[in-house]
């Protein structure tokens, strides 16, 4: 199969934190897995990565001092929406972990798309959704 799209798939999403170790620990508890990569080391990380989800996407956290100069303070920009099996339970889990609602659970039309997003304790927007296209593609790949 030839893929003619130049965007082949999400490779890494990066979040920012003033305290990378605290962000690492918060996400490790949320994800239920430890970061697999930490640079320069686990005691003083400036960058860490998790592998999560069906495709083991990279979820990185970078020290905010390395953020692009044009980056504005506060949450904003693009929102990456992660597929979840139960959006209500996922949203509640995020809120219970200390995230704050950014966009409430919202049904997007009559086709099964439902989205929501939160702001993590480090100022990043984390989106979640139920997406019928995702489950359809995943079922083809795992059949």
N, C-alpha and C. Protein backbone atom coordinates (compact mmCIF):
# COMPACT_ATOMS: atom_id res chain seq x y z
N UNK A 1 0.85 -1.19 0.00
CA UNK A 1 0.00 0.00 0.00
C UNK A 1 0.89 1.24 0.00
N UNK A 2 0.60 2.16 -0.85
CA UNK A 2 1.35 3.41 -0.94
C UNK A 2 0.56 4.51 -0.26
N UNK A 3 1.21 5.19 0.66
CA UNK A 3 0.59 6.30 1.36
C UNK A 3 1.05 7.57 0.69
N UNK A 4 0.11 8.31 0.10
CA UNK A 4 0.47 9.55 -0.60
C UNK A 4 0.36 10.77 0.31
N UNK A 5 -0.07 10.60 1.53
CA UNK A 5 -0.15 11.72 2.46
C UNK A 5 1.23 12.00 3.03
N UNK A 6 1.61 13.27 3.08
CA UNK A 6 2.90 13.59 3.66
C UNK A 6 2.87 13.54 5.18
N UNK A 7 1.69 13.67 5.80
CA UNK A 7 1.55 13.48 7.25
C UNK A 7 1.19 12.03 7.48
N UNK A 8 2.12 11.23 7.93
CA UNK A 8 1.95 9.79 8.02
C UNK A 8 1.30 9.34 9.31
N UNK A 9 1.32 10.14 10.32
CA UNK A 9 0.74 9.77 11.61
C UNK A 9 1.46 10.52 12.71
N UNK A 10 0.81 10.65 13.84
CA UNK A 10 1.42 11.35 14.95
C UNK A 10 2.58 10.53 15.48
N UNK A 11 3.76 11.12 15.56
CA UNK A 11 4.93 10.42 16.05
C UNK A 11 5.18 10.74 17.53
N UNK A 12 5.12 12.01 17.88
CA UNK A 12 5.37 12.45 19.26
C UNK A 12 4.53 13.67 19.55
N UNK A 13 3.96 13.72 20.73
CA UNK A 13 3.34 14.95 21.20
C UNK A 13 4.17 15.40 22.40
N UNK A 14 4.49 16.68 22.45
CA UNK A 14 5.31 17.22 23.55
C UNK A 14 4.50 18.20 24.38
N UNK A 15 4.59 18.02 25.68
CA UNK A 15 4.01 18.93 26.65
C UNK A 15 5.16 19.64 27.36
N UNK A 16 4.83 20.73 28.02
CA UNK A 16 5.84 21.56 28.68
C UNK A 16 5.57 21.59 30.18
N UNK A 17 6.63 21.72 30.97
CA UNK A 17 6.47 21.81 32.42
C UNK A 17 7.65 22.58 33.01
N UNK A 18 7.37 23.38 34.02
CA UNK A 18 8.45 24.04 34.77
C UNK A 18 9.17 23.02 35.64
N UNK A 19 8.45 22.02 36.12
CA UNK A 19 9.02 20.95 36.95
C UNK A 19 8.78 19.62 36.23
N UNK A 20 9.76 19.21 35.42
CA UNK A 20 9.62 18.01 34.60
C UNK A 20 9.48 16.77 35.47
N UNK A 21 10.20 16.69 36.57
CA UNK A 21 10.10 15.52 37.45
C UNK A 21 8.69 15.39 38.03
N UNK A 22 8.08 16.50 38.43
CA UNK A 22 6.72 16.46 38.97
C UNK A 22 5.73 16.05 37.87
N UNK A 23 5.93 16.58 36.66
CA UNK A 23 5.05 16.22 35.54
C UNK A 23 5.22 14.74 35.20
N UNK A 24 6.46 14.26 35.19
CA UNK A 24 6.72 12.84 34.94
C UNK A 24 5.98 11.96 35.93
N UNK A 25 6.07 12.32 37.20
CA UNK A 25 5.44 11.52 38.25
C UNK A 25 3.92 11.56 38.13
N UNK A 26 3.35 12.72 37.80
CA UNK A 26 1.90 12.86 37.66
C UNK A 26 1.41 12.00 36.50
N UNK A 27 2.09 12.09 35.36
CA UNK A 27 1.67 11.30 34.20
C UNK A 27 1.94 9.81 34.38
N UNK A 28 3.01 9.45 35.07
CA UNK A 28 3.27 8.02 35.33
C UNK A 28 2.12 7.43 36.15
N UNK A 29 1.65 8.17 37.12
CA UNK A 29 0.51 7.69 37.92
C UNK A 29 -0.75 7.63 37.07
N UNK A 30 -0.99 8.65 36.24
CA UNK A 30 -2.17 8.68 35.38
C UNK A 30 -2.15 7.55 34.36
N UNK A 31 -1.00 7.34 33.71
CA UNK A 31 -0.88 6.33 32.67
C UNK A 31 -0.71 4.92 33.21
N UNK A 32 -0.19 4.80 34.43
CA UNK A 32 0.07 3.48 34.98
C UNK A 32 1.34 2.84 34.44
N UNK A 33 2.23 3.65 33.85
CA UNK A 33 3.53 3.19 33.36
C UNK A 33 4.58 4.26 33.66
N UNK A 34 5.81 3.81 33.78
CA UNK A 34 6.91 4.74 34.01
C UNK A 34 7.43 5.28 32.68
N UNK A 35 8.04 6.45 32.71
CA UNK A 35 8.70 6.99 31.53
C UNK A 35 9.81 6.02 31.11
N UNK A 36 9.95 5.79 29.81
CA UNK A 36 10.98 4.86 29.34
C UNK A 36 12.28 5.58 28.99
N UNK A 37 12.23 6.91 28.87
CA UNK A 37 13.41 7.67 28.50
C UNK A 37 13.44 8.96 29.31
N UNK A 38 14.62 9.29 29.86
CA UNK A 38 14.78 10.52 30.63
C UNK A 38 16.17 11.09 30.33
N UNK A 39 16.20 12.39 30.02
CA UNK A 39 17.46 13.01 29.67
C UNK A 39 17.62 14.32 30.43
N UNK A 40 18.73 14.67 31.03
CA UNK A 40 19.94 13.87 31.04
C UNK A 40 19.90 12.67 32.00
N UNK A 41 19.03 12.73 33.04
CA UNK A 41 18.91 11.60 33.96
C UNK A 41 17.59 11.71 34.73
N UNK A 42 17.26 10.67 35.49
CA UNK A 42 15.98 10.63 36.22
C UNK A 42 15.94 11.63 37.37
N UNK A 43 17.08 11.99 37.92
CA UNK A 43 17.11 12.94 39.04
C UNK A 43 16.87 14.38 38.60
N UNK A 44 17.33 14.72 37.40
CA UNK A 44 17.22 16.08 36.88
C UNK A 44 16.79 16.05 35.42
N UNK A 45 15.59 15.55 35.14
CA UNK A 45 15.20 15.43 33.73
C UNK A 45 14.85 16.79 33.12
N UNK A 46 15.32 16.97 31.88
CA UNK A 46 14.92 18.13 31.08
C UNK A 46 13.94 17.67 30.01
N UNK A 47 13.96 16.36 29.71
CA UNK A 47 13.06 15.78 28.72
C UNK A 47 12.80 14.33 29.11
N UNK A 48 11.54 13.93 29.05
CA UNK A 48 11.18 12.54 29.33
C UNK A 48 10.18 12.08 28.28
N UNK A 49 10.09 10.76 28.11
CA UNK A 49 9.10 10.21 27.17
C UNK A 49 8.42 8.98 27.76
N UNK A 50 7.14 8.89 27.44
CA UNK A 50 6.34 7.69 27.68
C UNK A 50 5.97 7.13 26.33
N UNK A 51 5.66 5.86 26.26
CA UNK A 51 5.03 5.25 25.08
C UNK A 51 3.66 4.78 25.55
N UNK A 52 2.61 5.30 24.90
CA UNK A 52 1.26 4.99 25.35
C UNK A 52 0.34 4.69 24.17
N UNK A 53 -0.74 4.03 24.47
CA UNK A 53 -1.80 3.80 23.50
C UNK A 53 -1.58 2.59 22.62
N UNK A 54 -2.54 2.38 21.74
CA UNK A 54 -2.54 1.23 20.84
C UNK A 54 -1.32 1.20 19.92
N UNK A 55 -0.80 2.35 19.56
CA UNK A 55 0.33 2.42 18.65
C UNK A 55 1.62 2.85 19.34
N UNK A 56 1.62 2.86 20.66
CA UNK A 56 2.77 3.27 21.46
C UNK A 56 3.32 4.62 21.00
N UNK A 57 2.42 5.59 20.88
CA UNK A 57 2.83 6.94 20.52
C UNK A 57 3.73 7.51 21.61
N UNK A 58 4.64 8.36 21.21
CA UNK A 58 5.52 9.00 22.19
C UNK A 58 4.83 10.21 22.79
N UNK A 59 4.84 10.27 24.11
CA UNK A 59 4.29 11.39 24.86
C UNK A 59 5.47 11.98 25.62
N UNK A 60 5.95 13.14 25.17
CA UNK A 60 7.12 13.75 25.78
C UNK A 60 6.77 14.94 26.66
N UNK A 61 7.61 15.17 27.65
CA UNK A 61 7.48 16.36 28.50
C UNK A 61 8.85 17.04 28.51
N UNK A 62 8.84 18.32 28.17
CA UNK A 62 10.07 19.10 28.03
C UNK A 62 10.07 20.24 29.03
N UNK A 63 11.24 20.55 29.58
CA UNK A 63 11.39 21.70 30.46
C UNK A 63 10.96 22.94 29.70
N UNK A 64 10.08 23.72 30.30
CA UNK A 64 9.51 24.91 29.65
C UNK A 64 10.58 25.91 29.21
N UNK A 65 11.74 25.89 29.84
CA UNK A 65 12.78 26.84 29.44
C UNK A 65 13.27 26.60 28.01
N UNK A 66 12.96 25.42 27.43
CA UNK A 66 13.34 25.12 26.05
C UNK A 66 12.20 25.37 25.06
N UNK A 67 11.11 25.95 25.51
CA UNK A 67 9.95 26.20 24.63
C UNK A 67 10.32 27.21 23.55
N UNK A 68 9.70 27.12 22.38
CA UNK A 68 9.96 28.10 21.32
C UNK A 68 9.68 29.52 21.81
N UNK A 69 10.46 30.46 21.33
CA UNK A 69 10.33 31.85 21.77
C UNK A 69 8.98 32.47 21.51
N UNK A 70 8.27 32.02 20.48
CA UNK A 70 6.97 32.58 20.13
C UNK A 70 5.83 32.01 20.97
N UNK A 71 6.11 31.01 21.78
CA UNK A 71 5.06 30.36 22.56
C UNK A 71 4.47 31.33 23.58
N UNK A 72 3.16 31.42 23.58
CA UNK A 72 2.45 32.32 24.49
C UNK A 72 2.22 31.63 25.84
N UNK A 73 2.19 32.37 26.93
CA UNK A 73 1.91 31.75 28.22
C UNK A 73 0.46 31.25 28.31
N UNK A 74 0.24 30.23 29.11
CA UNK A 74 -1.10 29.69 29.32
C UNK A 74 -1.47 28.65 28.29
N UNK A 75 -2.57 27.95 28.54
CA UNK A 75 -3.01 26.91 27.61
C UNK A 75 -3.48 27.51 26.29
N UNK A 76 -3.26 26.76 25.23
CA UNK A 76 -3.72 27.22 23.93
C UNK A 76 -3.08 26.45 22.82
N UNK A 77 -3.38 26.81 21.59
CA UNK A 77 -2.82 26.13 20.44
C UNK A 77 -3.61 24.90 20.07
N UNK A 78 -2.96 23.99 19.37
CA UNK A 78 -3.61 22.77 18.92
C UNK A 78 -3.93 21.86 20.10
N UNK A 79 -4.99 21.10 19.97
CA UNK A 79 -5.36 20.13 21.00
C UNK A 79 -5.28 18.74 20.38
N UNK A 80 -4.41 17.91 20.91
CA UNK A 80 -4.34 16.52 20.48
C UNK A 80 -5.42 15.77 21.26
N UNK A 81 -6.27 15.08 20.53
CA UNK A 81 -7.36 14.32 21.15
C UNK A 81 -6.99 12.83 21.14
N UNK A 82 -6.91 12.24 22.33
CA UNK A 82 -6.57 10.83 22.49
C UNK A 82 -7.84 10.00 22.56
N UNK A 83 -7.88 8.92 21.83
CA UNK A 83 -9.01 7.99 21.85
C UNK A 83 -9.11 7.35 23.24
N UNK A 84 -10.31 7.28 23.78
CA UNK A 84 -10.59 6.59 25.03
C UNK A 84 -11.80 5.69 24.84
N UNK A 85 -11.89 4.64 25.64
CA UNK A 85 -13.03 3.72 25.53
C UNK A 85 -14.28 4.29 26.18
N UNK A 86 -14.12 5.00 27.28
CA UNK A 86 -15.25 5.55 28.03
C UNK A 86 -14.91 7.00 28.38
N UNK A 87 -15.45 7.93 27.63
CA UNK A 87 -15.05 9.34 27.80
C UNK A 87 -15.46 9.88 29.17
N UNK A 88 -16.61 9.46 29.68
CA UNK A 88 -17.03 9.93 31.01
C UNK A 88 -16.07 9.48 32.09
N UNK A 89 -15.70 8.21 32.06
CA UNK A 89 -14.77 7.68 33.06
C UNK A 89 -13.38 8.30 32.91
N UNK A 90 -12.94 8.49 31.67
CA UNK A 90 -11.62 9.10 31.44
C UNK A 90 -11.60 10.54 31.93
N UNK A 91 -12.66 11.28 31.65
CA UNK A 91 -12.75 12.67 32.09
C UNK A 91 -12.74 12.75 33.61
N UNK A 92 -13.53 11.90 34.26
CA UNK A 92 -13.55 11.87 35.73
C UNK A 92 -12.19 11.52 36.30
N UNK A 93 -11.51 10.57 35.67
CA UNK A 93 -10.17 10.18 36.14
C UNK A 93 -9.20 11.35 36.05
N UNK A 94 -9.25 12.10 34.97
CA UNK A 94 -8.37 13.26 34.82
C UNK A 94 -8.67 14.34 35.86
N UNK A 95 -9.93 14.62 36.08
CA UNK A 95 -10.32 15.62 37.08
C UNK A 95 -9.90 15.17 38.48
N UNK A 96 -10.12 13.90 38.80
CA UNK A 96 -9.73 13.36 40.11
C UNK A 96 -8.22 13.42 40.32
N UNK A 97 -7.46 13.34 39.22
CA UNK A 97 -6.00 13.39 39.31
C UNK A 97 -5.47 14.82 39.47
N UNK A 98 -6.35 15.81 39.34
CA UNK A 98 -5.94 17.20 39.53
C UNK A 98 -6.00 18.07 38.29
N UNK A 99 -6.47 17.53 37.17
CA UNK A 99 -6.64 18.34 35.97
C UNK A 99 -7.90 19.21 36.14
N UNK A 100 -8.01 20.26 35.34
CA UNK A 100 -9.14 21.19 35.40
C UNK A 100 -9.83 21.18 34.03
N UNK A 101 -11.15 21.18 34.04
CA UNK A 101 -11.91 21.19 32.79
C UNK A 101 -11.52 22.37 31.91
N UNK A 102 -11.26 22.09 30.64
CA UNK A 102 -10.98 23.12 29.64
C UNK A 102 -12.17 23.22 28.68
N UNK A 103 -12.61 22.07 28.20
CA UNK A 103 -13.77 21.98 27.32
C UNK A 103 -14.58 20.78 27.81
N UNK A 104 -15.84 20.97 28.14
CA UNK A 104 -16.62 19.87 28.72
C UNK A 104 -16.87 18.75 27.70
N UNK A 105 -17.34 17.63 28.19
CA UNK A 105 -17.72 16.53 27.31
C UNK A 105 -18.80 17.04 26.37
N UNK A 106 -18.53 16.94 25.06
CA UNK A 106 -19.42 17.51 24.05
C UNK A 106 -19.64 16.52 22.92
N UNK A 107 -20.90 16.22 22.68
CA UNK A 107 -21.28 15.37 21.55
C UNK A 107 -21.17 16.21 20.29
N UNK A 108 -20.45 15.69 19.29
CA UNK A 108 -20.22 16.41 18.04
C UNK A 108 -21.08 15.80 16.94
N UNK A 109 -22.32 16.23 16.86
CA UNK A 109 -23.25 15.71 15.87
C UNK A 109 -23.83 14.37 16.28
N UNK A 110 -24.37 13.66 15.30
CA UNK A 110 -25.06 12.39 15.55
C UNK A 110 -24.25 11.19 15.11
N UNK A 111 -22.97 11.34 14.89
CA UNK A 111 -22.17 10.26 14.30
C UNK A 111 -21.26 9.53 15.29
N UNK A 112 -21.36 9.83 16.58
CA UNK A 112 -20.58 9.11 17.58
C UNK A 112 -19.31 9.79 18.04
N UNK A 113 -19.02 10.97 17.52
CA UNK A 113 -17.83 11.70 17.96
C UNK A 113 -18.16 12.49 19.22
N UNK A 114 -17.37 12.29 20.26
CA UNK A 114 -17.55 13.00 21.52
C UNK A 114 -16.17 13.44 21.98
N UNK A 115 -16.04 14.72 22.37
CA UNK A 115 -14.75 15.25 22.78
C UNK A 115 -14.83 15.93 24.14
N UNK A 116 -13.68 16.10 24.74
CA UNK A 116 -13.52 16.87 25.98
C UNK A 116 -12.04 17.18 26.12
N UNK A 117 -11.71 18.15 26.93
CA UNK A 117 -10.30 18.42 27.21
C UNK A 117 -10.15 19.03 28.60
N UNK A 118 -8.95 18.85 29.13
CA UNK A 118 -8.61 19.36 30.46
C UNK A 118 -7.28 20.09 30.38
N UNK A 119 -7.00 20.86 31.41
CA UNK A 119 -5.68 21.46 31.58
C UNK A 119 -5.00 20.67 32.68
N UNK A 120 -3.83 20.12 32.37
CA UNK A 120 -3.10 19.36 33.39
C UNK A 120 -2.52 20.33 34.43
N UNK A 121 -1.98 19.83 35.54
CA UNK A 121 -1.43 20.72 36.56
C UNK A 121 -0.23 21.55 36.11
N UNK A 122 0.24 21.33 34.87
CA UNK A 122 1.43 22.02 34.37
C UNK A 122 1.10 23.01 33.26
N UNK A 123 -0.22 23.20 32.99
CA UNK A 123 -0.68 24.21 32.05
C UNK A 123 -0.88 23.72 30.63
N UNK A 124 -0.84 22.41 30.38
CA UNK A 124 -1.01 21.85 29.05
C UNK A 124 -2.45 21.40 28.84
N UNK A 125 -2.94 21.48 27.61
CA UNK A 125 -4.27 21.01 27.27
C UNK A 125 -4.17 19.56 26.79
N UNK A 126 -4.91 18.68 27.44
CA UNK A 126 -4.96 17.27 27.09
C UNK A 126 -6.38 16.96 26.64
N UNK A 127 -6.52 16.55 25.37
CA UNK A 127 -7.83 16.25 24.81
C UNK A 127 -8.10 14.76 24.79
N UNK A 128 -9.37 14.40 24.96
CA UNK A 128 -9.80 13.00 24.86
C UNK A 128 -11.03 12.95 23.97
N UNK A 129 -11.27 11.77 23.38
CA UNK A 129 -12.45 11.65 22.53
C UNK A 129 -12.81 10.20 22.31
N UNK A 130 -14.05 10.00 21.91
CA UNK A 130 -14.46 8.74 21.30
C UNK A 130 -14.65 9.04 19.83
N UNK A 131 -14.02 8.23 18.98
CA UNK A 131 -13.95 8.50 17.57
C UNK A 131 -14.24 7.20 16.82
N UNK A 132 -15.39 7.09 16.17
CA UNK A 132 -15.72 5.86 15.46
C UNK A 132 -14.71 5.48 14.37
N UNK A 133 -14.06 6.47 13.76
CA UNK A 133 -13.05 6.16 12.73
C UNK A 133 -11.86 5.43 13.35
N UNK A 134 -11.45 5.87 14.51
CA UNK A 134 -10.32 5.23 15.19
C UNK A 134 -10.62 3.77 15.48
N UNK A 135 -11.79 3.51 16.06
CA UNK A 135 -12.12 2.13 16.40
C UNK A 135 -12.29 1.27 15.15
N UNK A 136 -12.80 1.84 14.07
CA UNK A 136 -12.94 1.11 12.82
C UNK A 136 -11.56 0.71 12.26
N UNK A 137 -10.63 1.64 12.24
CA UNK A 137 -9.29 1.36 11.72
C UNK A 137 -8.58 0.37 12.63
N UNK A 138 -8.69 0.55 13.93
CA UNK A 138 -8.04 -0.35 14.86
C UNK A 138 -8.58 -1.78 14.70
N UNK A 139 -9.89 -1.92 14.52
CA UNK A 139 -10.45 -3.26 14.38
C UNK A 139 -9.95 -3.93 13.09
N UNK A 140 -9.73 -3.17 12.02
CA UNK A 140 -9.17 -3.72 10.78
C UNK A 140 -7.74 -4.19 10.99
N UNK A 141 -6.97 -3.41 11.73
CA UNK A 141 -5.56 -3.72 11.95
C UNK A 141 -5.35 -4.89 12.89
N UNK A 142 -6.30 -5.10 13.80
CA UNK A 142 -6.14 -6.17 14.79
C UNK A 142 -6.92 -7.42 14.43
N UNK A 143 -7.63 -7.39 13.29
CA UNK A 143 -8.43 -8.55 12.87
C UNK A 143 -7.56 -9.68 12.35
